[in-house]
C-alpha atoms as a PDB file:
ATOM      1  CA  MET A   1     -29.019 -50.600  12.330  1.00  0.00           C
ATOM      2  CA  LEU A   2     -30.316 -47.067  12.623  1.00  0.00           C
ATOM      3  CA  LEU A   3     -27.524 -46.219  15.058  1.00  0.00           C
ATOM      4  CA  ALA A   4     -24.923 -47.497  12.574  1.00  0.00           C
ATOM      5  CA  ALA A   5     -26.427 -45.298   9.846  1.00  0.00           C
ATOM      6  CA  PHE A   6     -26.209 -42.236  12.115  1.00  0.00           C
ATOM      7  CA  ALA A   7     -22.620 -43.100  13.024  1.00  0.00           C
ATOM      8  CA  LEU A   8     -21.637 -43.404   9.361  1.00  0.00           C
ATOM      9  CA  THR A   9     -23.380 -40.126   8.544  1.00  0.00           C
ATOM     10  CA  GLY A  10     -21.582 -38.443  11.442  1.00  0.00           C
ATOM     11  CA  CYS A  11     -18.212 -39.799  10.282  1.00  0.00           C
ATOM     12  CA  ASP A  12     -18.844 -38.430   6.799  1.00  0.00           C
ATOM     13  CA  ALA A  13     -19.769 -35.020   8.247  1.00  0.00           C
ATOM     14  CA  ILE A  14     -16.551 -34.965  10.271  1.00  0.00           C
ATOM     15  CA  ARG A  15     -14.534 -36.014   7.220  1.00  0.00           C
ATOM     16  CA  GLN A  16     -16.118 -33.159   5.251  1.00  0.00           C
ATOM     17  CA  GLN A  17     -14.813 -30.664   7.836  1.00  0.00           C
ATOM     18  CA  GLN A  18     -11.204 -31.831   7.633  1.00  0.00           C
ATOM     19  CA  PRO A  19      -9.077 -29.044   6.174  1.00  0.00           C
ATOM     20  CA  GLY A  20      -7.082 -29.622   3.033  1.00  0.00           C
ATOM     21  CA  SER A  21      -3.352 -29.046   2.935  1.00  0.00           C
ATOM     22  CA  LEU A  22      -1.133 -26.605   1.097  1.00  0.00           C
ATOM     23  CA  VAL A  23       2.655 -26.810   1.393  1.00  0.00           C
ATOM     24  CA  VAL A  24       5.418 -24.883  -0.358  1.00  0.00           C
ATOM     25  CA  ARG A  25       7.803 -27.684  -1.382  1.00  0.00           C
ATOM     26  CA  ASN A  26      10.373 -25.497  -3.101  1.00  0.00           C
ATOM     27  CA  ALA A  27      10.859 -21.917  -4.222  1.00  0.00           C
ATOM     28  CA  ARG A  28      13.596 -20.326  -6.274  1.00  0.00           C
ATOM     29  CA  LEU A  29      14.214 -16.815  -7.527  1.00  0.00           C
ATOM     30  CA  ILE A  30      15.656 -16.785 -11.042  1.00  0.00           C
ATOM     31  CA  ALA A  31      17.367 -13.495 -11.902  1.00  0.00           C
ATOM     32  CA  GLY A  32      19.424 -12.239 -14.792  1.00  0.00           C
ATOM     33  CA  ALA A  33      19.803  -9.278 -17.156  1.00  0.00           C
ATOM     34  CA  GLY A  34      17.086  -7.178 -15.540  1.00  0.00           C
ATOM     35  CA  VAL A  35      14.538 -10.010 -15.550  1.00  0.00           C
ATOM     36  CA  ALA A  36      13.365 -11.982 -12.526  1.00  0.00           C
ATOM     37  CA  ALA A  37      10.961 -14.862 -11.976  1.00  0.00           C
ATOM     38  CA  LEU A  38       9.782 -16.970  -9.070  1.00  0.00           C
ATOM     39  CA  GLU A  39       9.698 -20.729  -9.616  1.00  0.00           C
ATOM     40  CA  LEU A  40       7.400 -22.288  -7.067  1.00  0.00           C
ATOM     41  CA  SER A  41       6.397 -25.843  -6.227  1.00  0.00           C
ATOM     42  CA  LEU A  42       3.203 -26.291  -4.210  1.00  0.00           C
ATOM     43  CA  ASP A  43       1.812 -29.530  -2.837  1.00  0.00           C
ATOM     44  CA  CYS A  44      -1.961 -29.238  -2.471  1.00  0.00           C
ATOM     45  CA  ARG A  45      -4.755 -31.486  -1.252  1.00  0.00           C
ATOM     46  CA  LEU A  46      -8.225 -29.978  -1.490  1.00  0.00           C
ATOM     47  CA  SER A  47     -10.804 -30.721   1.203  1.00  0.00           C
ATOM     48  CA  GLY A  48     -14.218 -32.145   0.313  1.00  0.00           C
ATOM     49  CA  PRO A  49     -16.131 -28.827   0.263  1.00  0.00           C
ATOM     50  CA  VAL A  50     -13.414 -27.037  -1.726  1.00  0.00           C
ATOM     51  CA  GLN A  51     -13.291 -29.909  -4.238  1.00  0.00           C
ATOM     52  CA  ASP A  52     -17.112 -29.850  -4.462  1.00  0.00           C
ATOM     53  CA  ALA A  53     -17.098 -26.108  -5.155  1.00  0.00           C
ATOM     54  CA  LEU A  54     -14.506 -26.613  -7.889  1.00  0.00           C
ATOM     55  CA  GLU A  55     -16.529 -29.489  -9.415  1.00  0.00           C
ATOM     56  CA  HIS A  56     -19.566 -27.171  -9.558  1.00  0.00           C
ATOM     57  CA  GLY A  57     -17.672 -24.598 -11.613  1.00  0.00           C
ATOM     58  CA  ILE A  58     -16.696 -22.210  -8.812  1.00  0.00           C
ATOM     59  CA  PRO A  59     -13.160 -20.879  -9.332  1.00  0.00           C
ATOM     60  CA  ILE A  60     -10.740 -21.496  -6.460  1.00  0.00           C
ATOM     61  CA  THR A  61      -8.094 -18.785  -6.174  1.00  0.00           C
ATOM     62  CA  LEU A  62      -4.817 -19.213  -4.311  1.00  0.00           C
ATOM     63  CA  GLN A  63      -2.895 -16.108  -3.292  1.00  0.00           C
ATOM     64  CA  VAL A  64       0.903 -16.347  -3.337  1.00  0.00           C
ATOM     65  CA  ASP A  65       2.793 -13.737  -1.288  1.00  0.00           C
ATOM     66  CA  LEU A  66       6.510 -13.144  -1.840  1.00  0.00           C
ATOM     67  CA  GLN A  67       8.652 -10.962   0.399  1.00  0.00           C
ATOM     68  CA  ALA A  68      12.268 -10.025  -0.312  1.00  0.00           C
ATOM     69  CA  GLY A  69      14.258  -8.317   2.421  1.00  0.00           C
ATOM     70  CA  ARG A  70      13.167  -7.042   5.813  1.00  0.00           C
ATOM     71  CA  TRP A  71      10.997  -4.153   6.871  1.00  0.00           C
ATOM     72  CA  PRO A  72      11.222  -1.197   6.177  1.00  0.00           C
ATOM     73  CA  HIS A  73      13.027  -1.989   2.908  1.00  0.00           C
ATOM     74  CA  ALA A  74      11.128  -5.152   2.002  1.00  0.00           C
ATOM     75  CA  GLN A  75       9.792  -5.698  -1.490  1.00  0.00           C
ATOM     76  CA  MET A  76       6.443  -7.461  -1.618  1.00  0.00           C
ATOM     77  CA  GLN A  77       4.673  -9.124  -4.519  1.00  0.00           C
ATOM     78  CA  THR A  78       1.339 -10.915  -4.620  1.00  0.00           C
ATOM     79  CA  ARG A  79       0.338 -13.291  -7.386  1.00  0.00           C
ATOM     80  CA  ARG A  80      -2.791 -15.356  -7.850  1.00  0.00           C
ATOM     81  CA  VAL A  81      -3.350 -18.854  -9.172  1.00  0.00           C
ATOM     82  CA  GLU A  82      -6.861 -19.696 -10.306  1.00  0.00           C
ATOM     83  CA  LEU A  83      -8.165 -23.267 -10.449  1.00  0.00           C
ATOM     84  CA  ARG A  84     -11.324 -23.799 -12.507  1.00  0.00           C
ATOM     85  CA  TYR A  85     -13.509 -26.568 -13.824  1.00  0.00           C
ATOM     86  CA  PHE A  86     -15.720 -26.288 -16.889  1.00  0.00           C
ATOM     87  CA  PRO A  87     -18.439 -28.960 -16.593  1.00  0.00           C
ATOM     88  CA  LEU A  88     -19.583 -28.786 -20.229  1.00  0.00           C
ATOM     89  CA  SER A  89     -16.136 -29.477 -21.659  1.00  0.00           C
ATOM     90  CA  ARG A  90     -15.050 -31.515 -18.606  1.00  0.00           C
ATOM     91  CA  ARG A  91     -11.736 -29.645 -18.509  1.00  0.00           C
ATOM     92  CA  TYR A  92      -9.841 -28.274 -15.532  1.00  0.00           C
ATOM     93  CA  GLN A  93      -7.835 -25.085 -15.952  1.00  0.00           C
ATOM     94  CA  LEU A  94      -4.989 -23.440 -14.097  1.00  0.00           C
ATOM     95  CA  ARG A  95      -4.237 -19.767 -14.698  1.00  0.00           C
ATOM     96  CA  GLU A  96      -1.110 -18.182 -13.207  1.00  0.00           C
ATOM     97  CA  GLY A  97      -1.665 -14.485 -12.617  1.00  0.00           C
ATOM     98  CA  GLY A  98      -4.165 -12.410 -14.531  1.00  0.00           C
ATOM     99  CA  GLY A  99      -2.778 -12.309 -18.040  1.00  0.00           C
ATOM    100  CA  THR A 100      -1.303 -15.714 -18.811  1.00  0.00           C
ATOM    101  CA  ASP A 101      -3.015 -18.263 -20.986  1.00  0.00           C
ATOM    102  CA  PRO A 102      -4.620 -21.006 -18.924  1.00  0.00           C
ATOM    103  CA  ARG A 103      -3.304 -24.551 -18.970  1.00  0.00           C
ATOM    104  CA  SER A 104      -5.964 -27.262 -19.348  1.00  0.00           C
ATOM    105  CA  TYR A 105      -6.055 -30.699 -17.731  1.00  0.00           C
ATOM    106  CA  PRO A 106      -8.385 -33.702 -18.074  1.00  0.00           C
ATOM    107  CA  THR A 107      -8.587 -34.611 -14.360  1.00  0.00           C
ATOM    108  CA  PRO A 108      -8.408 -32.866 -10.978  1.00  0.00           C
ATOM    109  CA  ALA A 109      -5.306 -34.920 -10.127  1.00  0.00           C
ATOM    110  CA  TYR A 110      -3.420 -33.392 -13.070  1.00  0.00           C
ATOM    111  CA  LEU A 111      -4.679 -29.928 -12.108  1.00  0.00           C
ATOM    112  CA  VAL A 112      -3.409 -30.211  -8.541  1.00  0.00           C
ATOM    113  CA  ALA A 113      -0.133 -31.768  -9.746  1.00  0.00           C
ATOM    114  CA  ALA A 114       0.408 -28.722 -11.992  1.00  0.00           C
ATOM    115  CA  LEU A 115       0.726 -26.611  -8.841  1.00  0.00           C
ATOM    116  CA  GLY A 116       4.115 -28.287  -8.468  1.00  0.00           C
ATOM    117  CA  ALA A 117       5.537 -26.276 -11.387  1.00  0.00           C
ATOM    118  CA  LEU A 118       4.490 -22.626 -11.196  1.00  0.00           C
ATOM    119  CA  ARG A 119       6.416 -19.661 -12.583  1.00  0.00           C
ATOM    120  CA  PHE A 120       5.657 -15.985 -11.944  1.00  0.00           C
ATOM    121  CA  ASP A 121       7.373 -13.053 -13.637  1.00  0.00           C
ATOM    122  CA  LEU A 122       8.590 -10.432 -11.159  1.00  0.00           C
ATOM    123  CA  PRO A 123       9.581  -6.769 -11.445  1.00  0.00           C
ATOM    124  CA  ALA A 124      13.154  -6.039 -12.563  1.00  0.00           C
ATOM    125  CA  SER A 125      14.025  -4.815  -9.046  1.00  0.00           C
ATOM    126  CA  PHE A 126      14.043  -8.459  -7.909  1.00  0.00           C
ATOM    127  CA  ALA A 127      16.865  -9.173 -10.382  1.00  0.00           C
ATOM    128  CA  GLU A 128      19.093  -6.692  -8.552  1.00  0.00           C
ATOM    129  CA  LEU A 129      18.742  -8.086  -5.025  1.00  0.00           C
ATOM    130  CA  PRO A 130      21.972  -8.741  -3.098  1.00  0.00           C
ATOM    131  CA  ALA A 131      22.903 -12.408  -2.600  1.00  0.00           C
ATOM    132  CA  THR A 132      22.301 -12.165   1.157  1.00  0.00           C
ATOM    133  CA  THR A 133      18.680 -11.028   0.771  1.00  0.00           C
ATOM    134  CA  PRO A 134      16.251 -13.107   2.831  1.00  0.00           C
ATOM    135  CA  LEU A 135      13.186 -14.242   0.897  1.00  0.00           C
ATOM    136  CA  SER A 136       9.952 -15.838   2.015  1.00  0.00           C
ATOM    137  CA  VAL A 137       6.906 -17.105   0.186  1.00  0.00           C
ATOM    138  CA  SER A 138       3.543 -18.411   1.356  1.00  0.00           C
ATOM    139  CA  ALA A 139       0.292 -19.423  -0.311  1.00  0.00           C
ATOM    140  CA  ARG A 140      -3.309 -19.480   0.851  1.00  0.00           C
ATOM    141  CA  LEU A 141      -6.882 -19.729  -0.356  1.00  0.00           C
ATOM    142  CA  ASP A 142      -8.231 -16.255  -1.183  1.00  0.00           C
ATOM    143  CA  PRO A 143     -11.747 -16.148   0.331  1.00  0.00           C
ATOM    144  CA  ALA A 144     -12.447 -12.724  -1.221  1.00  0.00           C
ATOM    145  CA  ALA A 145     -12.318 -14.320  -4.692  1.00  0.00           C
ATOM    146  CA  LEU A 146     -15.150 -16.736  -3.856  1.00  0.00           C
ATOM    147  CA  PRO A 147     -18.820 -15.972  -4.590  1.00  0.00           C
ATOM    148  CA  GLY A 148     -20.599 -14.142  -1.763  1.00  0.00           C
ATOM    149  CA  ALA A 149     -22.419 -17.223  -0.452  1.00  0.00           C
ATOM    150  CA  LEU A 150     -19.120 -19.062   0.146  1.00  0.00           C
ATOM    151  CA  ARG A 151     -17.080 -16.248   1.705  1.00  0.00           C
ATOM    152  CA  LEU A 152     -18.430 -16.686   5.227  1.00  0.00           C
ATOM    153  CA  PRO A 153     -17.925 -20.474   5.291  1.00  0.00           C
ATOM    154  CA  ALA A 154     -14.432 -19.946   3.848  1.00  0.00           C
ATOM    155  CA  LEU A 155     -13.581 -17.686   6.773  1.00  0.00           C
ATOM    156  CA  PHE A 156     -14.948 -19.860   9.586  1.00  0.00           C
ATOM    157  CA  GLU A 157     -15.281 -23.520   8.579  1.00  0.00           C
ATOM    158  CA  PRO A 158     -12.183 -25.697   9.082  1.00  0.00           C
ATOM    159  CA  ALA A 159     -12.711 -27.475   5.745  1.00  0.00           C
ATOM    160  CA  TRP A 160     -12.038 -24.200   3.925  1.00  0.00           C
ATOM    161  CA  ARG A 161      -8.733 -23.507   5.685  1.00  0.00           C
ATOM    162  CA  LEU A 162      -6.031 -23.835   3.088  1.00  0.00           C
ATOM    163  CA  ALA A 163      -2.784 -22.025   3.846  1.00  0.00           C
ATOM    164  CA  SER A 164       0.897 -22.877   3.753  1.00  0.00           C
ATOM    165  CA  ALA A 165       3.530 -21.949   6.268  1.00  0.00           C
ATOM    166  CA  ASN A 166       6.177 -19.428   5.232  1.00  0.00           C
ATOM    167  CA  TYR A 167       8.966 -20.937   3.159  1.00  0.00           C
ATOM    168  CA  ALA A 168      12.157 -18.925   3.734  1.00  0.00           C
ATOM    169  CA  TRP A 169      15.559 -18.914   2.021  1.00  0.00           C
ATOM    170  CA  THR A 170      18.296 -16.539   0.906  1.00  0.00           C
ATOM    171  CA  LEU A 171      19.483 -15.948  -2.625  1.00  0.00           C
ATOM    172  CA  ALA A 172      22.962 -17.208  -1.696  1.00  0.00           C
ATOM    173  CA  ALA A 173      21.484 -20.538  -0.534  1.00  0.00           C
ATOM    174  CA  ARG A 174      20.199 -21.347  -4.026  1.00  0.00           C
END
């Protein structure tokens, strides 16, 4: 009986160390009349420790990196998406970038689903890119945005690894 309890505890500890997943499902650059925007669809599954941190009111910040063109003429943009939970009001919030109004959700499932419909405004220079320009986008957990006590675990523990592969396309392909 005691051995079974230890085995179950060990299985739970292993499950807690399983990393979450973050995948770029689709990305599209919308350009016109000197205005550009990135429409991005992320598929995210938070691991146990990341979900626990969120449930305790710790903001989880995802960093989105966009590259247009190739070095040395590449244009780079970084945007952040902040996921938050407010225990007193029992509301989850998603904030795209620094200045936008947050969107509120009643459950974590709705919050994570909202990552499937992100939109970031870009500098006007992105509206003038040639049709053959290669683009790539990736997303990852930003450990520097976490409180000090969680930064080290976020760097070394597998459960805190949350990063997508590069998603690449050309403007002409869309």
